[in-house]
Every structure is written in structure tokens, then in C-alpha cells.
Protein backbone atom coordinates (compact mmCIF):
# COMPACT_ATOMS: atom_id res chain seq x y z
CA UNK A 1 0.00 0.00 0.00
CA UNK A 2 2.88 2.38 0.72
CA UNK A 3 4.10 1.90 -2.85
CA UNK A 4 0.63 2.80 -4.13
CA UNK A 5 0.54 5.96 -2.04
CA UNK A 6 4.04 7.04 -3.02
CA UNK A 7 3.19 6.59 -6.70
CA UNK A 8 0.22 8.96 -6.60
CA UNK A 9 0.50 12.18 -8.60
CA UNK A 10 -2.48 13.67 -6.78
CA UNK A 11 -2.91 12.83 -3.09
CA UNK A 12 -6.03 11.32 -1.57
CA UNK A 13 -7.87 14.29 -0.09
CA UNK A 14 -9.60 13.86 3.23
CA UNK A 15 -11.72 16.01 5.50
CA UNK A 16 -12.02 15.44 9.25
CA UNK A 17 -14.97 16.30 11.50
CA UNK A 18 -14.06 16.46 15.17
CA UNK A 19 -10.86 18.02 16.51
CA UNK A 20 -10.72 16.25 19.85
CA UNK A 21 -8.05 13.75 20.86
CA UNK A 22 -8.78 11.42 17.92
CA UNK A 23 -9.33 14.11 15.32
CA UNK A 24 -6.11 15.85 16.26
CA UNK A 25 -4.24 12.58 15.89
CA UNK A 26 -5.82 11.86 12.52
CA UNK A 27 -4.81 15.31 11.27
CA UNK A 28 -1.22 14.76 12.37
CA UNK A 29 -1.09 11.33 10.76
CA UNK A 30 -2.11 12.79 7.40
CA UNK A 31 0.99 14.99 7.56
CA UNK A 32 3.17 11.88 7.93
CA UNK A 33 1.54 9.66 5.32
CA UNK A 34 2.64 10.04 1.69
CA UNK A 35 -0.23 10.35 -0.75
CA UNK A 36 -2.80 11.53 1.81
CA UNK A 37 -3.69 15.14 2.53
CA UNK A 38 -6.23 16.58 4.95
CA UNK A 39 -7.81 19.57 3.23
CA UNK A 40 -10.35 20.61 5.88
CA UNK A 41 -11.00 20.25 9.61
CA UNK A 42 -14.23 21.08 11.44
CA UNK A 43 -15.17 21.22 15.10
CA UNK A 44 -18.19 22.71 16.82
CA UNK A 45 -15.63 24.56 18.95
CA UNK A 46 -13.66 26.17 16.16
CA UNK A 47 -10.86 27.18 18.52
CA UNK A 48 -10.00 23.49 18.91
CA UNK A 49 -9.62 23.09 15.16
CA UNK A 50 -7.47 26.21 14.99
CA UNK A 51 -5.33 24.90 17.86
CA UNK A 52 -4.75 21.66 15.94
CA UNK A 53 -3.56 23.53 12.87
CA UNK A 54 -1.29 25.71 14.99
CA UNK A 55 0.12 22.71 16.86
CA UNK A 56 1.38 21.15 13.63
CA UNK A 57 2.40 24.37 11.89
CA UNK A 58 -0.21 24.03 9.16
CA UNK A 59 -1.29 27.12 7.23
CA UNK A 60 -5.06 27.47 7.53
CA UNK A 61 -8.00 29.65 6.59
CA UNK A 62 -11.22 29.96 8.58
CA UNK A 63 -14.19 29.51 6.26
CA UNK A 64 -17.94 29.95 6.64
CA UNK A 65 -19.35 29.06 3.22
CA UNK A 66 -18.91 26.26 0.71
CA UNK A 67 -17.33 28.65 -1.78
CA UNK A 68 -14.85 29.81 0.86
CA UNK A 69 -14.10 26.18 1.70
CA UNK A 70 -13.32 25.27 -1.89
CA UNK A 71 -11.28 28.44 -2.40
CA UNK A 72 -9.16 27.73 0.68
CA UNK A 73 -8.50 24.15 -0.43
CA UNK A 74 -7.42 25.31 -3.88
CA UNK A 75 -4.81 27.60 -2.30
CA UNK A 76 -3.32 24.65 -0.43
CA UNK A 77 -4.35 25.90 3.00
CA UNK A 78 -6.19 23.78 5.54
CA UNK A 79 -9.80 24.97 5.61
CA UNK A 80 -11.06 25.29 9.20
CA UNK A 81 -14.68 25.75 10.24
CA UNK A 82 -17.23 24.89 12.91
CA UNK A 83 -19.80 23.34 10.55
CA UNK A 84 -19.31 19.68 9.74
CA UNK A 85 -21.97 19.91 7.06
CA UNK A 86 -19.68 22.13 4.97
CA UNK A 87 -17.11 19.35 4.92
CA UNK A 88 -19.76 16.77 4.10
CA UNK A 89 -20.76 18.82 1.04
CA UNK A 90 -17.19 19.41 -0.07
CA UNK A 91 -16.62 18.61 -3.74
CA UNK A 92 -12.83 18.46 -3.36
CA UNK A 93 -12.57 15.58 -0.89
CA UNK A 94 -12.27 11.87 -1.54
CA UNK A 95 -12.70 10.52 2.00
CA UNK A 96 -14.83 11.80 4.88
CA UNK A 97 -13.43 11.00 8.34
CA UNK A 98 -15.97 11.29 11.19
CA UNK A 99 -14.21 11.50 14.55
CA UNK A 100 -16.60 13.54 16.68
CA UNK A 101 -18.54 12.18 19.64
CA UNK A 102 -21.86 13.41 18.28
CA UNK A 103 -24.58 10.97 17.23
CA UNK A 104 -27.42 12.49 15.19
CA UNK A 105 -25.37 15.37 13.72
CA UNK A 106 -22.59 12.93 12.83
CA UNK A 107 -25.07 10.66 11.05
CA UNK A 108 -26.41 13.64 9.12
CA UNK A 109 -22.88 14.59 8.09
CA UNK A 110 -22.15 11.00 7.04
CA UNK A 111 -25.24 10.80 4.84
CA UNK A 112 -24.45 14.16 3.24
CA UNK A 113 -20.87 13.07 2.57
CA UNK A 114 -22.14 9.97 0.77
CA UNK A 115 -24.50 12.13 -1.28
CA UNK A 116 -21.47 14.15 -2.35
CA UNK A 117 -19.42 11.15 -3.41
CA UNK A 118 -17.06 10.78 -0.45
CA UNK A 119 -16.01 7.42 0.97
CA UNK A 120 -16.96 7.16 4.64
CA UNK A 121 -14.44 6.23 7.37
CA UNK A 122 -15.80 6.24 10.91
CA UNK A 123 -13.71 6.82 14.03
CA UNK A 124 -17.11 7.55 15.62
CA UNK A 125 -18.01 4.10 16.95
CA UNK A 126 -21.42 5.20 18.22
CA UNK A 127 -22.94 6.01 14.83
CA UNK A 128 -21.01 3.10 13.35
CA UNK A 129 -23.00 0.80 15.63
CA UNK A 130 -26.46 2.33 15.79
CA UNK A 131 -26.81 3.46 12.16
CA UNK A 132 -24.13 1.33 10.49
CA UNK A 133 -26.27 -1.05 8.42
CA UNK A 134 -28.20 1.88 6.91
CA UNK A 135 -25.07 3.94 6.23
CA UNK A 136 -23.39 0.89 4.69
CA UNK A 137 -26.41 0.26 2.46
CA UNK A 138 -26.40 3.88 1.27
CA UNK A 139 -22.66 3.76 0.59
CA UNK A 140 -22.91 0.54 -1.41
CA UNK A 141 -25.85 1.92 -3.39
CA UNK A 142 -23.64 4.83 -4.44
CA UNK A 143 -20.60 2.69 -5.21
CA UNK A 144 -18.71 4.05 -2.21
CA UNK A 145 -16.85 2.48 0.69
CA UNK A 146 -18.19 2.41 4.23
CA UNK A 147 -15.75 1.31 6.91
CA UNK A 148 -14.87 1.48 10.57
CA UNK A 149 -11.53 3.18 11.10
CA UNK A 150 -8.37 1.21 11.63
CA UNK A 151 -6.36 1.52 14.85
CA UNK A 152 -9.16 1.29 17.40
CA UNK A 153 -9.74 -2.10 19.01
CA UNK A 154 -12.49 -3.29 16.70
CA UNK A 155 -10.48 -2.53 13.57
CA UNK A 156 -7.35 -4.16 14.96
CA UNK A 157 -9.33 -7.25 16.03
CA UNK A 158 -10.72 -7.52 12.50
CA UNK A 159 -7.22 -7.61 10.99
CA UNK A 160 -6.20 -10.31 13.47
CA UNK A 161 -9.27 -12.39 12.62
CA UNK A 162 -8.73 -11.91 8.88
CA UNK A 163 -5.27 -13.44 9.31
CA UNK A 164 -6.31 -16.49 11.30
CA UNK A 165 -9.19 -17.23 8.92
CA UNK A 166 -6.84 -16.91 5.95
CA UNK A 167 -4.58 -19.46 7.64
CA UNK A 168 -7.41 -21.98 7.87
CA UNK A 169 -8.58 -21.54 11.46
CA UNK A 170 -12.22 -21.14 12.46
CA UNK A 171 -12.91 -18.17 14.71
CA UNK A 172 -13.97 -19.17 18.22
CA UNK A 173 -13.64 -15.88 20.09
CA UNK A 174 -12.77 -12.30 19.17
CA UNK A 175 -11.45 -10.63 22.28
CA UNK A 176 -10.51 -7.33 23.85
CA UNK A 177 -8.15 -6.66 26.76
CA UNK A 178 -9.67 -4.12 29.13
CA UNK A 179 -7.38 -2.47 31.64
CA UNK A 180 -9.88 -1.04 34.11
CA UNK A 181 -13.64 -1.07 34.60
CA UNK A 182 -15.84 1.08 36.84
CA UNK A 183 -19.54 0.95 35.98
CA UNK A 184 -20.20 3.99 38.20
CA UNK A 185 -17.77 6.32 36.40
CA UNK A 186 -19.27 9.67 35.44
CA UNK A 187 -18.12 12.96 33.87
CA UNK A 188 -17.25 14.44 37.27
CA UNK A 189 -15.45 11.49 38.84
CA UNK A 190 -13.33 10.98 35.74
CA UNK A 191 -11.99 14.55 35.49
CA UNK A 192 -8.50 13.93 36.97
CA UNK A 193 -7.81 10.97 34.67
CA UNK A 194 -9.37 12.63 31.63
CA UNK A 195 -7.28 15.76 32.11
CA UNK A 196 -4.09 13.68 32.16
CA UNK A 197 -4.97 12.33 28.72
CA UNK A 198 -6.61 15.44 27.25
CA UNK A 199 -9.89 13.53 26.83
CA UNK A 200 -13.48 14.73 26.74
CA UNK A 201 -15.03 13.97 30.14
CA UNK A 202 -18.06 12.13 28.81
CA UNK A 203 -16.01 10.02 26.44
CA UNK A 204 -13.53 9.20 29.20
CA UNK A 205 -16.44 8.11 31.40
CA UNK A 206 -17.72 5.90 28.57
CA UNK A 207 -14.29 4.27 28.29
CA UNK A 208 -14.20 3.60 32.03
CA UNK A 209 -17.77 2.39 32.57
CA UNK A 210 -17.42 -0.21 29.81
CA UNK A 211 -19.78 1.33 27.28
CA UNK A 212 -17.08 1.91 24.67
CA UNK A 213 -15.79 -1.64 25.12
CA UNK A 214 -19.27 -3.05 24.55
CA UNK A 215 -19.81 -0.87 21.48
CA UNK A 216 -16.49 -2.00 20.00
CA UNK A 217 -17.30 -5.65 20.53
CA UNK A 218 -20.80 -5.21 19.08
CA UNK A 219 -19.17 -3.75 15.96
CA UNK A 220 -16.94 -6.82 15.75
CA UNK A 221 -19.92 -9.16 16.25
CA UNK A 222 -22.00 -7.44 13.59
CA UNK A 223 -19.14 -7.54 11.11
CA UNK A 224 -18.02 -11.12 11.72
CA UNK A 225 -21.28 -12.85 12.60
CA UNK A 226 -20.47 -13.36 16.28
CA UNK A 227 -22.69 -13.38 19.36
CA UNK A 228 -22.23 -12.67 23.05
CA UNK A 229 -22.60 -15.63 25.38
CA UNK A 230 -24.24 -13.47 28.06
CA UNK A 231 -25.36 -9.82 28.13
CA UNK A 232 -22.32 -7.65 28.72
CA UNK A 233 -19.97 -10.61 28.02
CA UNK A 234 -18.14 -12.55 30.75
CA UNK A 235 -15.02 -10.39 31.09
CA UNK A 236 -13.07 -12.51 33.59
CA UNK A 237 -10.11 -10.98 35.38
CA UNK A 238 -6.76 -12.38 34.22
CA UNK A 239 -3.07 -11.67 34.73
CA UNK A 240 -2.06 -12.48 31.15
CA UNK A 241 -3.72 -13.02 27.82
CA UNK A 242 -2.35 -16.57 28.00
CA UNK A 243 -4.85 -17.21 30.82
CA UNK A 244 -7.79 -17.28 28.39
CA UNK A 245 -7.62 -21.07 28.26
CA UNK A 246 -8.29 -21.20 32.00
CA UNK A 247 -10.76 -18.33 32.20
CA UNK A 248 -13.12 -19.49 29.44
CA UNK A 249 -14.79 -22.87 28.94
CA UNK A 250 -13.94 -22.99 25.26
CA UNK A 251 -15.35 -26.46 24.67
CA UNK A 252 -18.77 -25.31 25.86
CA UNK A 253 -18.63 -21.97 24.06
CA UNK A 254 -17.71 -23.75 20.82
CA UNK A 255 -20.22 -26.58 21.08
CA UNK A 256 -22.38 -25.20 18.27
CA UNK A 257 -19.45 -23.68 16.31
CA UNK A 258 -20.79 -20.13 16.61
CA UNK A 259 -18.08 -17.56 17.42
CA UNK A 260 -18.42 -15.21 20.38
CA UNK A 261 -17.05 -11.84 21.44
CA UNK A 262 -15.69 -11.32 24.93
CA UNK A 263 -12.90 -9.64 26.91
CA UNK A 264 -10.49 -10.15 29.77
CA UNK A 265 -9.93 -7.59 32.51
CA UNK A 266 -6.63 -6.33 33.87
CA UNK A 267 -4.45 -8.62 31.76
CA UNK A 268 -1.17 -8.06 30.01
CA UNK A 269 -0.50 -6.91 27.37
CA UNK A 270 -2.50 -3.87 28.42
CA UNK A 271 -4.03 -2.25 25.34
CA UNK A 272 -3.86 -5.41 23.27
CA UNK A 273 -6.47 -7.55 21.56
CA UNK A 274 -6.77 -11.28 20.97
CA UNK A 275 -8.58 -13.96 19.01
CA UNK A 276 -8.95 -17.68 19.55
CA UNK A 277 -8.99 -19.97 16.54
CA UNK A 278 -9.82 -23.67 16.19
CA UNK A 279 -8.50 -26.42 13.95
CA UNK A 280 -8.31 -30.19 14.45
CA UNK A 281 -6.19 -31.44 11.56
CA UNK A 282 -3.56 -33.86 12.94
CA UNK A 283 -0.77 -32.75 10.59
CA UNK A 284 -1.40 -29.06 11.24
CA UNK A 285 -1.62 -29.75 14.96
CA UNK A 286 1.86 -31.35 14.97
CA UNK A 287 3.30 -28.39 13.10
CA UNK A 288 1.63 -25.88 15.42
CA UNK A 289 3.08 -27.67 18.44
CA UNK A 290 6.48 -27.38 16.80
CA UNK A 291 5.81 -23.66 16.28
CA UNK A 292 5.12 -23.29 20.03
CA UNK A 293 1.40 -22.61 19.61
CA UNK A 294 0.27 -25.22 22.13
CA UNK A 295 -1.54 -28.53 21.89
CA UNK A 296 -4.78 -27.26 20.35
CA UNK A 297 -7.39 -27.60 19.08
CA UNK A 298 -7.85 -24.02 20.38
CA UNK A 299 -5.10 -21.56 19.51
CA UNK A 300 -4.46 -18.05 20.82
CA UNK A 301 -3.47 -15.16 18.57
CA UNK A 302 -2.91 -11.72 20.02
CA UNK A 303 -1.57 -8.30 19.25
CA UNK A 304 -0.01 -6.36 22.14
CA UNK A 305 -1.16 -2.91 21.07
CA UNK A 306 -3.66 -0.79 19.22
CA UNK A 307 -2.45 2.62 18.12
CA UNK A 308 -5.64 4.49 17.18
CA UNK A 309 -4.79 7.39 14.82
CA UNK A 310 -1.28 6.06 14.13
CA UNK A 311 -2.78 3.11 12.24
CA UNK A 312 -5.77 4.89 10.74
CA UNK A 313 -4.48 5.89 7.32
CA UNK A 314 -4.37 2.29 6.06
CA UNK A 315 -8.15 2.10 5.80
CA UNK A 316 -8.33 5.59 4.28
CA UNK A 317 -5.94 4.48 1.55
CA UNK A 318 -7.64 1.12 1.08
CA UNK A 319 -11.02 2.81 0.63
CA UNK A 320 -9.80 5.37 -1.89
CA UNK A 321 -7.33 3.21 -3.83
CA UNK A 322 -8.87 -0.25 -3.71
CA UNK A 323 -12.54 0.30 -2.89
CA UNK A 324 -12.12 -1.95 0.13
CA UNK A 325 -13.67 -1.78 3.60
CA UNK A 326 -11.85 -2.97 6.71
CA UNK A 327 -14.92 -3.59 8.85
CA UNK A 328 -18.62 -3.09 8.16
CA UNK A 329 -21.85 -4.58 9.62
CA UNK A 330 -22.35 -7.31 7.02
CA UNK A 331 -24.52 -9.28 9.46
CA UNK A 332 -26.77 -6.34 10.34
CA UNK A 333 -27.64 -5.47 13.92
CA UNK A 334 -26.99 -8.98 15.19
CA UNK A 335 -26.01 -7.37 18.51
CA UNK A 336 -26.68 -3.99 20.06
CA UNK A 337 -25.61 -2.17 23.21
CA UNK A 338 -28.44 -1.58 25.67
CA UNK A 339 -28.69 0.99 28.48
CA UNK A 340 -28.42 -0.09 32.13
CA UNK A 341 -29.04 2.14 35.14
CA UNK A 342 -25.76 3.47 36.55
CA UNK A 343 -27.46 4.57 39.78
CA UNK A 344 -31.01 4.22 41.18
CA UNK A 345 -33.16 6.34 38.86
CA UNK A 346 -36.60 7.81 39.50
CA UNK A 347 -39.55 7.93 37.12
CA UNK A 348 -39.53 11.22 35.22
CA UNK A 349 -35.73 11.38 35.06
CA UNK A 350 -34.38 12.47 31.68
CA UNK A 351 -31.48 10.25 30.68
CA UNK A 352 -28.22 11.79 29.52
CA UNK A 353 -26.83 9.17 27.16
CA UNK A 354 -23.36 7.74 26.69
CA UNK A 355 -20.75 8.67 29.28
CA UNK A 356 -23.25 10.50 31.45
CA UNK A 357 -24.48 10.15 35.00
CA UNK A 358 -27.47 7.87 34.35
CA UNK A 359 -26.54 4.79 32.37
CA UNK A 360 -23.88 2.54 30.90
CA UNK A 361 -24.17 0.13 27.98
CA UNK A 362 -23.94 -3.65 27.69
CA UNK A 363 -23.91 -5.76 24.54
CA UNK A 364 -26.70 -8.26 23.96
CA UNK A 365 -27.84 -10.43 21.08
CA UNK A 366 -30.82 -9.06 19.20
CA UNK A 367 -31.79 -12.25 17.39
CA UNK A 368 -32.45 -14.59 20.29
CA UNK A 369 -33.45 -12.29 23.13
CA UNK A 370 -36.62 -13.22 24.99
CA UNK A 371 -36.58 -9.90 26.82
CA UNK A 372 -38.53 -6.88 25.67
CA UNK A 373 -36.59 -4.63 23.26
CA UNK A 374 -33.94 -2.70 25.12
CA UNK A 375 -33.19 1.01 24.92
CA UNK A 376 -30.04 1.35 22.79
CA UNK A 377 -27.43 3.32 24.72
CA UNK A 378 -26.75 5.35 21.57
CA UNK A 379 -30.34 6.65 21.68
CA UNK A 380 -30.55 7.15 25.45
CA UNK A 381 -29.91 10.89 25.49
CA UNK A 382 -33.02 12.97 26.12
CA UNK A 383 -35.55 10.20 26.77
CA UNK A 384 -37.54 10.18 30.01
CA UNK A 385 -38.04 7.26 32.39
CA UNK A 386 -41.60 6.05 32.78
CA UNK A 387 -40.84 4.18 36.01
CA UNK A 388 -38.22 3.81 38.73
CA UNK A 389 -35.12 1.79 37.84
CA UNK A 390 -32.86 0.03 40.32
CA UNK A 391 -29.10 0.39 40.00
CA UNK A 392 -27.86 -2.10 37.41
CA UNK A 393 -31.32 -2.65 35.91
CA UNK A 394 -31.70 -3.13 32.17
CA UNK A 395 -33.69 -0.27 30.64
CA UNK A 396 -36.23 -1.46 28.08
CA UNK A 397 -37.87 0.73 25.48
CA UNK A 398 -41.10 0.16 27.40
CA UNK A 399 -39.46 1.80 30.44
CA UNK A 400 -39.04 5.18 28.74
CA UNK A 401 -41.14 7.86 27.12
CA UNK A 402 -39.69 8.80 23.75
CA UNK A 403 -40.72 10.26 20.42
CA UNK A 404 -40.62 7.45 17.86
CA UNK A 405 -40.55 10.12 15.15
CA UNK A 406 -37.35 11.63 16.52
CA UNK A 407 -34.83 11.58 13.69
CA UNK A 408 -32.29 9.35 15.43
CA UNK A 409 -34.99 6.77 16.21
CA UNK A 410 -36.11 6.92 12.59
CA UNK A 411 -32.56 6.32 11.37
CA UNK A 412 -32.26 3.43 13.81
CA UNK A 413 -35.41 1.88 12.32
CA UNK A 414 -33.81 2.15 8.88
CA UNK A 415 -30.65 0.52 10.20
CA UNK A 416 -32.66 -2.37 11.61
CA UNK A 417 -34.49 -2.81 8.31
CA UNK A 418 -31.26 -2.55 6.30
CA UNK A 419 -29.68 -5.36 8.28
CA UNK A 420 -32.44 -7.90 7.68
């Protein structure tokens, strides 16, 4: 791929919405990658976008109209604005990178970008999950690529699984390694840790309370055709990734040859991901023992890191040059992430969504659930509780008062229909 990029006469032009920790990293990575150029950056707080340009010594122009945007790009300057819709409607971009933490506005930007012929790369895992099947369908209809971004855990897991399947193994488990988990984390409690890492407080709370982990693993499940064995996954504590053989009953999990997603907690390598493959060929088993892979038939593959923005440009290039997606919800909304009460909640309480004070999210299977439909955590902002909820209780759609005509609920309905 590097050879392809270096051979380009005209670089792949990208625009980035969201100038937070991830967006800033993506912008920097475009300056390092031959054949890729970021031509515009938007953030609802324009001073953050300006600060990113200043941090990397990039000449920029602040723009407010589409004509100004195009004019700035033609001069070679980085166009900076507060309106993501301008970037979505840009006629001089090949790839649209969504890295904000918005949900409905981000989906609107994504749809507009597809209408204007841009491939869609999502570092925004929330819209990737809740609207993914619909966005993928729209992209395919227009001959464009829809993909999750490389570098985050779900993208890195997908590359690991692609390898083991290519080598002839069946996937048993796609796994994440979670360093720390506190279901009660909220935007106030997380401030000291978030400030150390220059993270948005709500997003940092979502990392810590497990919501982001569950969203990532739902994305993996929906792309690879996996399930979760139990709501929220098992997530046993372990000292090392090698302990997976002791922490999981793999024979039972694999009895019907349906792969699962799960995670281990507190294990080394911190920040890594893993996958477990299965094969029972006697010859291959002898060779794998010789290669120090164990006795089988279950085999562990792992990667000790994920590097977020550092790895992201591979999927940008693959989309633009080869028309190829890294990860997309080919199996529809096979799983979703449902809201659970973070604290005791009273009837009439208006929920505050991902990374807030009210709820956290847990993955569950949508196909075989006997429970009433759950409230997706990605739609939990601004809905009102119809009854009291105990701490840790699953919040069903029947437990809340919501407007079914609200645009995000309508897009969710389309995503559900697109995945069938």
C-alpha cells in the first residue's frame, strides 16, 4: 500500500470532522503519510480546530461558506470551520473521516458526505453501531466504501481475525483486553484521569464504565457474525492473555461452532487484543506444536497494542485506492448495546446518554433475546423514564417515554431494516 501511495501524482484528499483527541491525531497522521492530505477540519468549537492547525504548523484559513471552503483548499491551505456539514458537502474531498462524539449530527454529516461522493471512514463508533447497516447500504448503493476506522480495538481485532481465517482456522472468540472497569464512572469522577490524557469527560467516562468496550465488541460481532454468550460478556479478570484457556470454557462456548465476542480484565498486554482460533487437523496440529502454539485444538493469537490514529491511514488508503472496507456490519444489527441504570433512577428522570451520570451500555444479542426490546445506549440521550429503575437494571424501550418520530430513532429503524 505504501508503494501505491508514493506513486500517486495527486494525493487522496480527506476532510475530518471532530478536533478532539482522535481528530487531532488523525490530522497529524495525514501529515506523515505520503499520498494523503487533509484539506479541511471542522469542530463545533472552532478554537479546537485552529489549535490543531497551529500545533502542527499548518497554514489554515477559517471559512464559513462552501465557496470559501473550496477556495481555501485550492490555495493549499487547511480549511477550518465549525460546521461539519460544509465538509460533508465538499466537492474536493475523496474521503470523509468522522471523529466527533456526536450521534445524530454525525449521522447527518455522514449521509451528506455519501450524497457528495465521499467514501466514509468512521472513528465515531457510536454512529457506526447504531446506524451502520443503513449507512453501509447507502454507501454501497452509491458505489462508495463504508468502513470502521483502523487503529481502534475493533479494527485491529478484525485484521487479526482476517489473518487467522486466511490461515485456515475457524474463529472461536474475538477478544478485547480491558485495563480497568468502573460501571459507576461519570463525567465528574473521571476529570482527573481525563485531564491527564486530554480527553473529553463524557467520552472518558464511557471508556471507564465499559460502554465503549461493549460498542467495539458489538461492531466486531455485527461484522463477523459473532454473538455474546451473556449480556455484557463474561469479562473474567486475568493476569495475562495466555490465561484465556483457564478463564473461558472454550469447549462449551464452541459446542455449536458459533463464534463469540468477549474480553479479559486487567491482563497483560494492556491495550492489546486477541482472538482464539480452532482447527483439528492432525498434521497441522503437529506443526503448530512445533511452532510453540500449544496442543490445540484451540489456539491463541494476540496483538499487544492498538495505536488508534497512528494506524488509521491504512483504511483511508484502502477505501480510496482499492474500494475496500476494513470492517462493516455485514450481518446487520446482530447485537446492540443496551442501556443499564448506573445509579437508582426515578420515574420522570431524563437520561443523559453515553458517558453520562445515568446509564452505561452492555452488549446483547438481538436475534435470540426473549426480553422486551432494550433502549439502545446510543439513543438514550433525552428520553424520560416512565418508572423507577434500580441500579444495574436493564432499561427497556417500554421503560421510557420517547418520540418514535425523533430523527435518530427513525434512522435506527432504517438501520434495523437494512440489516435484515
